[in-house]
Amino acid sequence: MKSFYVYFIVLALVVCLTKSLDEDIDFPQKLDSDDISYFSSTYDIDGLHWALSNVFSRSIRNPNPRQVVHQNVPESIIARGGGSTYTSAYKLKVDIEQAEYLAQVLPSNEEKGTFQEVKQLYEKVYKRIPPLDELSQTKGLYPFMEQDYKDGIGSIYNKALHHTDFNEFKDSSGKAISLLSQSFDAVKIEKQWYDKSTPPVVVIDDILSPQALQRIRQILLESTVWYETKMPLEFGGYVGAYIDDGLHDRILLQMAFELNQALPNIMKGHPLQYLWAYKYDSLYNGIKTHADQAVVNVNLWLTDDDANLDKEGGGLVIYTAKPPSNWNFVKYNTETDRVRKDILEPTNFANVTVPYRSNRAVMFDSMLFHHTDKFNFKEGYENRRINLTILYGTMQNKMQEGRAEMSSHSNGEL
């Protein structure tokens, strides 16, 4: 996929001169990880948020058709499950739950009424979705039918009907307030990271301040940016939200930048590359064994502990093995059987298993194979397991080969 890295160097100069001419700028359809890293390398939260929000507001996600510049969802987003012409039963169930939640918590009667109508339309379409065994040809996906469009699904599905876009917390002088908790111990974390006697896996409990945790939970419960569905018969059941497709609240960017700055010995030369969140259905499995193309992976869990019915599980299994240097991105994320037989089995599946805890982050070498542990959470929208993943840095080796090809084989961790 073409990078707009150089393009945004020019745009960064433009934004410093004037923001009144934003509508005259020919923004691309989508930012890529190079664009995100460009702004992140100097912790330019203003520039990154400006670019992300302008691209997003011009996209088909905007419910106001007069403001839409790009009429189609980018192919790379469709490939990872973010299209607007299909859904899955579990994805629409999440959308129904979210609409019901917003109809209860939003302040104005007009907003409450809007989401009551949205919920009713989603429920009408949901009733038309056949059982999974009748959707084997599409691996569990349901393409919208003519009647769905007549009922109005095209005007609300995968649209930014409610976009939070929260700012940083600031004190009376206008200075940003730290989002990390008072117990955050950078020295201890870096010591553990570089301890050669153990794998590069560090557990950070109570990573966020109570105020920050509450606000980020609010974003992930309220913001209608959960556009991704996987093929249920192949990849399980979880919906996704991404930094390049609506999940770009300034406070999220601040959190990613602040964590990077707090750990200079680990993060030096490794700016924010990508960020996403997943919301799970306990009737399905989580994400399969894979490795990510980054240097540092931070996986943060947001759902309250009361929702977790298995206190010893529900977290992450991180193997101590990495892909061989001559394997590319496609190979080590699609040849699952070979990964198990040739890489994990010889190590006797040696791993670090970290149980789920709310406000717990697991930081690890992103090239280590890992997968979601078995989980069992209570029913109900606010009880769904949610993780936020932040990737820092890029691996510069043969594993970059085939990344574009991987988009058509996406397992949910692009």
Foldseek 3Di string as FASTA:
>chain_A
DDACLVVVVVVVVVVVVDPVCLVVDPQDLWHALSNVQNCQVVLNLVSLLSNLVSNQQQDCQALPVVSHDHNARDPLCVLQAQHQQKAALLRLVLVLQLLCVQLPPPDDPVSVVVSVVVNVLSVVQSVVQDDQVVVVVVLGMGGDDPVSVVSPSSSDAQHFPDAPLAAADADPVRHGDDFFDPPDDLVVLVVQCPPPVDANKDKDALGTDPVNLVVVLCRVSHTSQQRGFDSCNPQNGKTKGWSGHRPSRSNVSVNQSVVLVSHCVQFPVWGWRIKMKIWGDLVIFWFDKAFDFFFKKKKAWRAAPVFFPDQQFFAKKWFRWFDPQQDARQVRGPVVVCCCVVICVVVVNHTDGDHDHHGMMMMHGRRTIMIGTNTDGDDHNSTTIMMMMIGIGGDPGRRNPCPVVCSNVDSNRD
